[in-house]
Amino acid sequence: MEEKDSPESDVDISKQNPSEGENTVKLNEVGKKTTISASTIQVNSCQRGNPLLKEIRNVPWEYVEGIAPDYIVGSHCVALFLSIRYFNLNPEYIHNRLKGLGSGSKLRVLLVLVDQKDPHHALNKLMRICILSELTLMLAWNNQEAGKILETYKLYENKPPDMIMEETGTQVHEKIMEALTSVKSVSKTDASTLLATFGSLENILEANIEDLSGCPGFGPHKASRLHKVLQENFKRL
């Protein structure tokens, strides 16, 4: 999603003083060489004005002309940004961007800002696109969350997986996952889908059977069973 005419100024990276050997050279979408600093998040100039940039505060970032993705987060991670509102208005936009993205990065992220009510239909389409295009779908419900996702990818770029697992294991997210999977027939994949679609446990509890049935992997039977469990009164034994 392209946003322009922002008062946000470019970050001055001249004071970062990257160590020798920290920069790498990559080819941009028109085949010209561009120097990529490994210490910063590289931001496509088409993202000028995107409010999420103001939320990237713990890692440096800089604008780079001519790069194919919206963000080069690391040597093996790139990201495209899209809002639900923009996707509904321009459904072909993401397909055109994917054509130019290529497949050179190990991790390709589609960062989606959920900025409309009832996003389920659009999310179903985007999940299908991500599966077919080997993209990792990340959802954010506000600009702060979107900026935090990019920050986290950068901060943990060179961290071992076990360190990340130890930190995330105590998060509320894991507790919600455990609660949802305690319902018969709801798998971890189902629980992740529910959280990705509705954004919070509160929204899942407020969803009706039709809303639940619209989630990938959920049919009327599973949705009805989950809805019944979620609407039961909890009693102390």
Protein backbone atom coordinates (compact mmCIF):
# COMPACT_ATOMS: atom_id res chain seq x y z
CA MET A 1 0.00 0.00 0.00
CA GLU A 2 1.51 3.28 -1.03
CA GLU A 3 1.17 6.32 1.19
CA LYS A 4 2.84 9.61 0.40
CA ASP A 5 3.25 13.23 1.41
CA SER A 6 4.26 12.56 4.99
CA PRO A 7 6.14 14.98 7.23
CA GLU A 8 8.17 12.02 8.47
CA SER A 9 11.80 12.74 7.71
CA ASP A 10 14.40 10.19 6.68
CA VAL A 11 16.35 8.66 9.50
CA ASP A 12 19.94 9.90 9.58
CA ILE A 13 22.05 6.76 9.62
CA SER A 14 25.35 8.58 9.19
CA LYS A 15 25.90 8.26 12.93
CA GLN A 16 25.35 4.52 13.05
CA ASN A 17 28.98 3.77 12.09
CA PRO A 18 28.46 0.19 10.85
CA SER A 19 31.47 -2.03 11.26
CA GLU A 20 33.59 -3.10 8.32
CA GLY A 21 32.01 -5.85 6.28
CA GLU A 22 28.52 -5.02 7.58
CA ASN A 23 27.25 -3.72 4.26
CA THR A 24 26.27 -6.01 1.42
CA VAL A 25 25.56 -5.32 -2.23
CA LYS A 26 22.31 -6.48 -3.81
CA LEU A 27 20.60 -6.04 -7.16
CA ASN A 28 17.48 -3.94 -7.17
CA GLU A 29 14.45 -4.58 -9.35
CA VAL A 30 15.98 -2.83 -12.36
CA GLY A 31 19.28 -4.68 -12.11
CA LYS A 32 21.36 -1.84 -10.64
CA LYS A 33 23.61 -2.38 -7.65
CA THR A 34 22.60 -0.80 -4.37
CA THR A 35 24.45 -0.93 -1.05
CA ILE A 36 22.38 -2.48 1.73
CA SER A 37 23.37 -1.83 5.34
CA ALA A 38 22.91 -4.90 7.53
CA SER A 39 22.34 -2.75 10.62
CA THR A 40 19.11 -1.10 9.43
CA ILE A 41 15.69 -1.94 8.09
CA GLN A 42 15.66 -0.88 4.45
CA VAL A 43 12.43 0.92 3.53
CA ASN A 44 11.11 1.28 0.00
CA SER A 45 10.55 4.96 -0.82
CA CYS A 46 6.94 4.14 -1.75
CA GLN A 47 6.32 3.66 1.99
CA ARG A 48 6.88 7.36 2.75
CA GLY A 49 3.97 8.48 4.88
CA ASN A 50 3.15 5.07 6.28
CA PRO A 51 2.35 5.76 9.97
CA LEU A 52 3.90 2.47 11.08
CA LEU A 53 7.36 3.96 10.43
CA LYS A 54 6.89 6.24 13.44
CA GLU A 55 6.48 3.12 15.58
CA ILE A 56 9.86 1.62 14.61
CA ARG A 57 11.88 3.07 17.48
CA ASN A 58 14.22 0.35 18.69
CA VAL A 59 16.08 -0.30 15.43
CA PRO A 60 17.34 2.18 12.79
CA TRP A 61 15.76 2.35 9.35
CA GLU A 62 16.43 4.19 6.12
CA TYR A 63 14.80 4.81 2.76
CA VAL A 64 16.31 3.00 -0.20
CA GLU A 65 15.36 3.68 -3.81
CA GLY A 66 14.58 0.90 -6.27
CA ILE A 67 14.20 -2.11 -3.95
CA ALA A 68 11.44 -4.61 -4.79
CA PRO A 69 9.98 -5.31 -1.30
CA ASP A 70 8.54 -2.65 0.97
CA TYR A 71 11.00 -3.61 3.71
CA ILE A 72 14.30 -5.46 3.71
CA VAL A 73 14.45 -6.52 7.33
CA GLY A 74 17.62 -8.58 7.11
CA SER A 75 19.85 -10.53 4.79
CA HIS A 76 17.27 -13.32 4.57
CA CYS A 77 13.99 -11.54 5.37
CA VAL A 78 11.86 -9.18 3.26
CA ALA A 79 8.33 -7.88 3.79
CA LEU A 80 5.46 -6.43 1.82
CA PHE A 81 2.92 -4.18 3.53
CA LEU A 82 -0.80 -4.16 2.77
CA SER A 83 -3.92 -2.90 4.50
CA ILE A 84 -7.27 -4.66 4.27
CA ARG A 85 -8.89 -1.43 3.10
CA TYR A 86 -6.41 -1.05 0.25
CA PHE A 87 -6.68 -4.71 -0.71
CA ASN A 88 -10.46 -4.45 -1.03
CA LEU A 89 -10.09 -1.39 -3.26
CA ASN A 90 -7.19 -2.79 -5.33
CA PRO A 91 -7.23 -6.61 -5.20
CA GLU A 92 -4.67 -6.93 -8.02
CA TYR A 93 -2.08 -4.79 -6.23
CA ILE A 94 -0.59 -7.62 -4.19
CA HIS A 95 -0.32 -9.89 -7.25
CA ASN A 96 1.62 -7.24 -9.15
CA ARG A 97 3.95 -6.68 -6.19
CA LEU A 98 4.61 -10.40 -5.85
CA LYS A 99 5.66 -10.62 -9.49
CA GLY A 100 8.48 -8.18 -8.80
CA LEU A 101 9.42 -9.60 -5.42
CA GLY A 102 11.10 -12.75 -6.68
CA SER A 103 12.04 -15.71 -4.52
CA GLY A 104 15.59 -14.94 -3.40
CA SER A 105 14.83 -14.55 0.33
CA LYS A 106 14.34 -17.42 2.76
CA LEU A 107 11.64 -15.55 4.69
CA ARG A 108 9.06 -13.50 2.80
CA VAL A 109 6.48 -11.77 4.98
CA LEU A 110 3.16 -10.21 4.07
CA LEU A 111 2.40 -7.71 6.84
CA VAL A 112 -1.31 -6.92 6.80
CA LEU A 113 -2.95 -4.07 8.70
CA VAL A 114 -6.51 -5.03 9.65
CA ASP A 115 -8.18 -1.63 9.37
CA GLN A 116 -11.76 -2.61 8.54
CA LYS A 117 -14.55 -4.41 10.35
CA ASP A 118 -15.48 -7.92 9.23
CA PRO A 119 -12.17 -8.63 7.46
CA HIS A 120 -12.79 -12.38 7.24
CA HIS A 121 -13.51 -12.56 3.51
CA ALA A 122 -10.41 -10.54 2.62
CA LEU A 123 -8.27 -12.53 5.06
CA ASN A 124 -9.41 -15.81 3.52
CA LYS A 125 -8.21 -14.57 0.14
CA LEU A 126 -4.91 -13.32 1.55
CA MET A 127 -4.25 -16.58 3.38
CA ARG A 128 -4.74 -18.46 0.13
CA ILE A 129 -2.36 -16.08 -1.67
CA CYS A 130 0.24 -16.57 1.07
CA ILE A 131 0.00 -20.35 0.91
CA LEU A 132 0.37 -20.42 -2.86
CA SER A 133 3.18 -17.83 -2.87
CA GLU A 134 5.08 -19.22 0.16
CA LEU A 135 4.57 -16.07 2.22
CA THR A 136 4.35 -15.77 5.99
CA LEU A 137 1.17 -13.85 6.86
CA MET A 138 1.49 -11.47 9.82
CA LEU A 139 -1.54 -9.47 11.01
CA ALA A 140 -1.52 -6.19 12.91
CA TRP A 141 -4.56 -4.37 14.26
CA ASN A 142 -2.85 -0.98 14.49
CA ASN A 143 0.29 0.80 13.34
CA GLN A 144 2.06 0.19 16.65
CA GLU A 145 1.66 -3.57 16.28
CA ALA A 146 2.82 -3.42 12.66
CA GLY A 147 5.97 -1.51 13.61
CA LYS A 148 6.61 -3.91 16.48
CA ILE A 149 6.44 -6.91 14.12
CA LEU A 150 9.13 -5.43 11.86
CA GLU A 151 11.24 -4.51 14.88
CA THR A 152 10.99 -8.04 16.27
CA TYR A 153 12.06 -9.62 13.00
CA LYS A 154 15.10 -7.34 12.95
CA LEU A 155 16.02 -7.73 16.62
CA TYR A 156 15.81 -11.53 16.44
CA GLU A 157 17.46 -11.80 13.05
CA ASN A 158 20.54 -13.55 14.44
CA LYS A 159 19.00 -15.04 17.58
CA PRO A 160 18.69 -18.84 17.97
CA PRO A 161 15.14 -20.25 17.78
CA ASP A 162 15.27 -21.64 21.34
CA MET A 163 15.80 -18.14 22.76
CA ILE A 164 12.71 -16.88 20.96
CA MET A 165 10.69 -19.87 22.13
CA GLU A 166 11.65 -19.29 25.76
CA GLU A 167 10.48 -15.69 25.66
CA THR A 168 7.24 -16.27 23.77
CA GLY A 169 6.26 -19.26 25.86
CA THR A 170 5.20 -17.06 28.78
CA GLN A 171 3.11 -14.67 26.69
CA VAL A 172 -0.65 -14.33 26.97
CA HIS A 173 -0.85 -15.58 23.39
CA GLU A 174 0.35 -19.03 24.50
CA LYS A 175 -2.19 -19.16 27.30
CA ILE A 176 -5.00 -18.34 24.88
CA MET A 177 -3.72 -21.01 22.50
CA GLU A 178 -3.78 -23.56 25.31
CA ALA A 179 -7.34 -22.60 26.26
CA LEU A 180 -8.64 -22.85 22.69
CA THR A 181 -7.00 -26.21 22.00
CA SER A 182 -8.65 -27.62 25.13
CA VAL A 183 -11.87 -27.61 23.08
CA LYS A 184 -12.37 -30.97 21.35
CA SER A 185 -11.43 -30.94 17.62
CA VAL A 186 -9.70 -27.52 17.84
CA SER A 187 -6.04 -27.99 16.88
CA LYS A 188 -3.12 -25.60 17.32
CA THR A 189 -3.52 -24.61 13.67
CA ASP A 190 -7.21 -23.88 14.29
CA ALA A 191 -6.34 -21.80 17.36
CA SER A 192 -3.74 -19.81 15.41
CA THR A 193 -6.27 -19.22 12.63
CA LEU A 194 -8.85 -17.95 15.13
CA LEU A 195 -6.39 -15.51 16.68
CA ALA A 196 -5.14 -14.36 13.30
CA THR A 197 -8.70 -13.78 12.07
CA PHE A 198 -10.30 -12.18 15.13
CA GLY A 199 -7.26 -10.63 16.81
CA SER A 200 -8.19 -11.32 20.44
CA LEU A 201 -9.98 -13.81 22.67
CA GLU A 202 -12.67 -11.22 23.33
CA ASN A 203 -13.49 -11.01 19.62
CA ILE A 204 -13.56 -14.81 19.35
CA LEU A 205 -16.03 -14.99 22.24
CA GLU A 206 -18.27 -12.42 20.55
CA ALA A 207 -18.21 -14.17 17.16
CA ASN A 208 -21.32 -16.00 16.00
CA ILE A 209 -21.40 -19.42 14.32
CA GLU A 210 -21.39 -17.87 10.85
CA ASP A 211 -18.27 -15.85 11.65
CA LEU A 212 -16.50 -18.91 13.02
CA SER A 213 -17.50 -20.99 10.01
CA GLY A 214 -15.79 -18.46 7.74
CA CYS A 215 -12.36 -19.27 9.19
CA PRO A 216 -10.15 -21.55 7.07
CA GLY A 217 -10.36 -25.11 8.37
CA PHE A 218 -13.69 -24.52 10.11
CA GLY A 219 -16.97 -25.97 8.91
CA PRO A 220 -20.44 -25.50 10.40
CA HIS A 221 -20.06 -28.53 12.69
CA LYS A 222 -16.73 -27.46 14.23
CA ALA A 223 -17.86 -23.83 14.45
CA SER A 224 -21.10 -24.83 16.19
CA ARG A 225 -19.24 -27.00 18.71
CA LEU A 226 -16.74 -24.25 19.50
CA HIS A 227 -19.47 -21.61 19.80
CA LYS A 228 -21.41 -23.80 22.20
CA VAL A 229 -18.37 -24.29 24.45
CA LEU A 230 -17.49 -20.59 24.41
CA GLN A 231 -21.03 -19.58 25.37
CA GLU A 232 -21.33 -22.01 28.30
CA ASN A 233 -21.41 -20.60 31.80
CA PHE A 234 -18.32 -21.47 33.83
CA LYS A 235 -19.20 -22.83 37.25
CA ARG A 236 -17.00 -23.52 40.24
CA LEU A 237 -17.15 -27.21 41.13
